[in-house]
N, C-alpha and C. Protein backbone atom coordinates (compact mmCIF):
# COMPACT_ATOMS: atom_id res chain seq x y z
N UNK A 1 34.44 223.31 196.14
CA UNK A 1 34.70 224.45 195.29
C UNK A 1 35.72 225.33 196.00
N UNK A 2 36.85 225.52 195.36
CA UNK A 2 37.91 226.33 195.94
C UNK A 2 37.90 227.70 195.27
N UNK A 3 37.65 228.78 196.02
CA UNK A 3 37.58 230.11 195.41
C UNK A 3 38.95 230.64 195.06
N UNK A 4 38.99 231.51 194.05
CA UNK A 4 40.21 232.20 193.69
C UNK A 4 40.39 233.39 194.64
N UNK A 5 41.63 233.80 194.82
CA UNK A 5 41.92 234.95 195.69
C UNK A 5 41.59 236.24 194.94
N UNK A 6 40.90 237.17 195.59
CA UNK A 6 40.60 238.45 194.93
C UNK A 6 41.86 239.30 194.76
N UNK A 7 41.91 240.01 193.65
CA UNK A 7 43.02 240.93 193.41
C UNK A 7 42.72 242.27 194.08
N UNK A 8 43.69 243.18 194.02
CA UNK A 8 43.50 244.50 194.63
C UNK A 8 42.36 245.26 193.95
N UNK A 9 42.24 245.14 192.65
CA UNK A 9 41.15 245.80 191.94
C UNK A 9 39.79 245.23 192.33
N UNK A 10 39.75 243.92 192.55
CA UNK A 10 38.49 243.31 192.97
C UNK A 10 38.11 243.72 194.39
N UNK A 11 39.11 243.90 195.24
CA UNK A 11 38.81 244.40 196.59
C UNK A 11 38.23 245.81 196.52
N UNK A 12 38.70 246.61 195.57
CA UNK A 12 38.12 247.94 195.39
C UNK A 12 36.67 247.85 194.95
N UNK A 13 36.36 246.91 194.08
CA UNK A 13 34.98 246.72 193.63
C UNK A 13 34.10 246.22 194.78
N UNK A 14 34.63 245.36 195.62
CA UNK A 14 33.89 244.89 196.79
C UNK A 14 33.61 246.05 197.74
N UNK A 15 34.61 246.88 197.96
CA UNK A 15 34.42 248.05 198.83
C UNK A 15 33.38 249.01 198.25
N UNK A 16 33.38 249.19 196.93
CA UNK A 16 32.40 250.06 196.29
C UNK A 16 30.99 249.48 196.44
N UNK A 17 30.86 248.16 196.32
CA UNK A 17 29.55 247.53 196.50
C UNK A 17 29.06 247.69 197.94
N UNK A 18 29.95 247.58 198.89
CA UNK A 18 29.57 247.79 200.29
C UNK A 18 29.13 249.24 200.51
N UNK A 19 29.79 250.17 199.84
CA UNK A 19 29.39 251.57 199.92
C UNK A 19 27.97 251.76 199.36
N UNK A 20 27.68 251.13 198.22
CA UNK A 20 26.33 251.23 197.64
C UNK A 20 25.28 250.63 198.58
N UNK A 21 25.60 249.51 199.22
CA UNK A 21 24.66 248.91 200.14
C UNK A 21 24.45 249.78 201.38
N UNK A 22 25.50 250.44 201.83
CA UNK A 22 25.38 251.37 202.96
C UNK A 22 24.50 252.55 202.58
N UNK A 23 24.67 253.07 201.38
CA UNK A 23 23.83 254.17 200.91
C UNK A 23 22.37 253.74 200.78
N UNK A 24 22.14 252.50 200.37
CA UNK A 24 20.77 251.98 200.30
C UNK A 24 20.16 251.91 201.69
N UNK A 25 20.94 251.49 202.67
CA UNK A 25 20.44 251.42 204.04
C UNK A 25 20.12 252.81 204.59
N UNK A 26 20.99 253.77 204.33
CA UNK A 26 20.74 255.14 204.78
C UNK A 26 19.49 255.70 204.10
N UNK A 27 19.34 255.41 202.81
CA UNK A 27 18.14 255.86 202.10
C UNK A 27 16.88 255.23 202.68
N UNK A 28 16.96 253.96 203.08
CA UNK A 28 15.80 253.30 203.68
C UNK A 28 15.45 253.93 205.02
N UNK A 29 16.46 254.26 205.83
CA UNK A 29 16.20 254.90 207.11
C UNK A 29 15.59 256.30 206.95
N UNK A 30 15.89 256.96 205.84
CA UNK A 30 15.31 258.28 205.60
C UNK A 30 13.94 258.20 204.92
N UNK A 31 13.74 257.21 204.07
CA UNK A 31 12.51 257.09 203.31
C UNK A 31 11.35 256.55 204.15
N UNK A 32 11.62 255.61 205.02
CA UNK A 32 10.59 255.00 205.84
C UNK A 32 9.79 256.00 206.66
N UNK A 33 10.45 256.85 207.44
CA UNK A 33 9.68 257.83 208.22
C UNK A 33 8.89 258.82 207.36
N UNK A 34 9.41 259.16 206.18
CA UNK A 34 8.69 260.08 205.30
C UNK A 34 7.37 259.44 204.86
N UNK A 35 7.42 258.17 204.44
CA UNK A 35 6.18 257.48 204.07
C UNK A 35 5.26 257.32 205.28
N UNK A 36 5.81 257.06 206.44
CA UNK A 36 5.00 256.91 207.65
C UNK A 36 4.24 258.20 207.97
N UNK A 37 4.93 259.32 207.88
CA UNK A 37 4.29 260.61 208.16
C UNK A 37 3.23 260.91 207.11
N UNK A 38 3.55 260.68 205.83
CA UNK A 38 2.62 261.02 204.75
C UNK A 38 1.39 260.12 204.71
N UNK A 39 1.57 258.85 205.02
CA UNK A 39 0.48 257.90 204.81
C UNK A 39 -0.28 257.55 206.08
N UNK A 40 0.31 257.74 207.24
CA UNK A 40 -0.35 257.32 208.47
C UNK A 40 -0.55 258.46 209.48
N UNK A 41 0.50 259.19 209.77
CA UNK A 41 0.43 260.15 210.87
C UNK A 41 -0.42 261.37 210.50
N UNK A 42 -0.16 261.97 209.35
CA UNK A 42 -0.93 263.17 208.97
C UNK A 42 -2.42 262.86 208.82
N UNK A 43 -2.82 261.82 208.06
CA UNK A 43 -4.26 261.57 207.95
C UNK A 43 -4.93 261.26 209.30
N UNK A 44 -4.25 260.52 210.14
CA UNK A 44 -4.83 260.19 211.44
C UNK A 44 -4.97 261.43 212.33
N UNK A 45 -3.95 262.27 212.32
CA UNK A 45 -4.00 263.48 213.15
C UNK A 45 -5.03 264.48 212.62
N UNK A 46 -5.19 264.56 211.31
CA UNK A 46 -6.20 265.46 210.74
C UNK A 46 -7.60 264.95 211.06
N UNK A 47 -7.82 263.63 210.94
CA UNK A 47 -9.13 263.07 211.23
C UNK A 47 -9.53 263.23 212.70
N UNK A 48 -8.54 263.17 213.58
CA UNK A 48 -8.85 263.33 215.00
C UNK A 48 -8.81 264.79 215.44
N UNK A 49 -8.62 265.68 214.48
CA UNK A 49 -8.59 267.14 214.72
C UNK A 49 -7.44 267.57 215.64
N UNK A 50 -6.39 266.75 215.69
CA UNK A 50 -5.20 267.11 216.47
C UNK A 50 -4.42 268.22 215.76
N UNK A 51 -4.37 268.13 214.44
CA UNK A 51 -3.71 269.16 213.65
C UNK A 51 -4.71 269.70 212.63
N UNK A 52 -4.39 270.83 212.08
CA UNK A 52 -5.26 271.50 211.12
C UNK A 52 -5.32 270.73 209.79
N UNK A 53 -6.38 270.95 209.04
CA UNK A 53 -6.57 270.32 207.74
C UNK A 53 -5.55 270.78 206.71
N UNK A 54 -4.91 271.92 206.94
CA UNK A 54 -3.93 272.42 205.96
C UNK A 54 -2.67 271.54 205.88
N UNK A 55 -2.47 270.66 206.86
CA UNK A 55 -1.32 269.75 206.80
C UNK A 55 -1.50 268.68 205.72
N UNK A 56 -2.73 268.48 205.27
CA UNK A 56 -2.95 267.54 204.16
C UNK A 56 -2.27 268.02 202.88
N UNK A 57 -2.00 269.30 202.78
CA UNK A 57 -1.32 269.84 201.59
C UNK A 57 0.14 269.41 201.54
N UNK A 58 0.70 268.98 202.67
CA UNK A 58 2.09 268.50 202.70
C UNK A 58 2.23 267.08 202.16
N UNK A 59 1.14 266.34 202.17
CA UNK A 59 1.22 264.93 201.82
C UNK A 59 1.73 264.66 200.41
N UNK A 60 1.29 265.38 199.36
CA UNK A 60 1.84 265.10 198.03
C UNK A 60 3.35 265.32 197.96
N UNK A 61 3.84 266.36 198.63
CA UNK A 61 5.27 266.61 198.62
C UNK A 61 6.02 265.50 199.37
N UNK A 62 5.47 265.03 200.47
CA UNK A 62 6.11 263.95 201.21
C UNK A 62 6.09 262.64 200.42
N UNK A 63 4.98 262.39 199.71
CA UNK A 63 4.95 261.21 198.85
C UNK A 63 6.00 261.30 197.75
N UNK A 64 6.16 262.46 197.17
CA UNK A 64 7.18 262.64 196.13
C UNK A 64 8.56 262.37 196.69
N UNK A 65 8.85 262.92 197.86
CA UNK A 65 10.15 262.67 198.50
C UNK A 65 10.31 261.18 198.81
N UNK A 66 9.23 260.54 199.25
CA UNK A 66 9.30 259.12 199.56
C UNK A 66 9.56 258.26 198.34
N UNK A 67 8.91 258.60 197.23
CA UNK A 67 9.14 257.81 196.02
C UNK A 67 10.53 258.05 195.43
N UNK A 68 11.05 259.25 195.58
CA UNK A 68 12.43 259.49 195.16
C UNK A 68 13.38 258.66 196.04
N UNK A 69 13.09 258.61 197.33
CA UNK A 69 13.90 257.78 198.23
C UNK A 69 13.81 256.31 197.88
N UNK A 70 12.61 255.84 197.54
CA UNK A 70 12.43 254.45 197.13
C UNK A 70 13.21 254.16 195.85
N UNK A 71 13.18 255.11 194.93
CA UNK A 71 13.98 254.96 193.70
C UNK A 71 15.47 254.91 193.99
N UNK A 72 15.91 255.69 194.96
CA UNK A 72 17.34 255.66 195.29
C UNK A 72 17.72 254.33 195.94
N UNK A 73 16.84 253.77 196.75
CA UNK A 73 17.13 252.46 197.35
C UNK A 73 17.29 251.41 196.26
N UNK A 74 16.36 251.38 195.33
CA UNK A 74 16.42 250.40 194.23
C UNK A 74 17.66 250.64 193.38
N UNK A 75 17.98 251.90 193.11
CA UNK A 75 19.16 252.22 192.31
C UNK A 75 20.44 251.75 192.99
N UNK A 76 20.56 252.01 194.29
CA UNK A 76 21.77 251.60 195.00
C UNK A 76 21.90 250.07 195.06
N UNK A 77 20.78 249.36 195.21
CA UNK A 77 20.85 247.90 195.19
C UNK A 77 21.28 247.39 193.82
N UNK A 78 20.74 247.97 192.76
CA UNK A 78 21.13 247.54 191.42
C UNK A 78 22.59 247.87 191.13
N UNK A 79 23.06 249.05 191.56
CA UNK A 79 24.46 249.39 191.38
C UNK A 79 25.37 248.41 192.12
N UNK A 80 24.99 248.05 193.34
CA UNK A 80 25.79 247.09 194.11
C UNK A 80 25.81 245.73 193.41
N UNK A 81 24.65 245.29 192.92
CA UNK A 81 24.58 243.98 192.27
C UNK A 81 25.42 243.95 191.00
N UNK A 82 25.23 244.94 190.13
CA UNK A 82 25.96 244.93 188.86
C UNK A 82 27.45 245.21 189.06
N UNK A 83 27.81 245.80 190.18
CA UNK A 83 29.21 246.05 190.48
C UNK A 83 29.89 244.79 191.01
N UNK A 84 29.19 243.99 191.80
CA UNK A 84 29.81 242.84 192.45
C UNK A 84 29.70 241.56 191.61
N UNK A 85 28.76 241.50 190.68
CA UNK A 85 28.53 240.27 189.92
C UNK A 85 29.78 239.79 189.17
N UNK A 86 30.49 240.63 188.42
CA UNK A 86 31.69 240.13 187.73
C UNK A 86 32.78 239.66 188.70
N UNK A 87 32.86 240.30 189.85
CA UNK A 87 33.86 239.90 190.84
C UNK A 87 33.51 238.52 191.38
N UNK A 88 32.25 238.29 191.70
CA UNK A 88 31.84 236.99 192.20
C UNK A 88 32.02 235.90 191.15
N UNK A 89 31.79 236.22 189.89
CA UNK A 89 32.01 235.25 188.82
C UNK A 89 33.47 234.83 188.74
N UNK A 90 34.37 235.77 188.96
CA UNK A 90 35.79 235.43 188.89
C UNK A 90 36.23 234.67 190.13
N UNK A 91 35.76 235.06 191.31
CA UNK A 91 36.17 234.39 192.53
C UNK A 91 35.59 232.98 192.61
N UNK A 92 34.32 232.82 192.26
CA UNK A 92 33.66 231.52 192.27
C UNK A 92 33.20 231.20 190.85
N UNK A 93 34.09 230.67 190.01
CA UNK A 93 33.75 230.49 188.59
C UNK A 93 32.64 229.47 188.35
N UNK A 94 32.48 228.47 189.19
CA UNK A 94 31.43 227.47 188.95
C UNK A 94 30.32 227.57 189.97
N UNK A 95 30.13 228.72 190.53
CA UNK A 95 29.14 228.90 191.59
C UNK A 95 27.72 228.69 191.10
N UNK A 96 27.41 229.16 189.88
CA UNK A 96 26.04 229.12 189.39
C UNK A 96 25.73 227.82 188.63
N UNK A 97 26.62 226.87 188.66
CA UNK A 97 26.38 225.63 187.91
C UNK A 97 25.84 224.55 188.81
């Protein structure tokens, strides 16, 4: 299978897809620690009496931030996929056959 050469416009689409994937990675690096703090660190520290029970009130807000971050990761992956799919179809026309 011999691929076609990408045009300048297709290179722009490839660069945009790489940008979306980079944003998904940044979102994952920000979302992971938020879920870790909300689901593991706060409950453990409250149970061991290391921190006060009032920190449990932060957990719903941290979960909300975490789920927004998870939504952004999924959104960026979908944007990258739908952005690059037509370009890949043109470069490799018989790839999926």
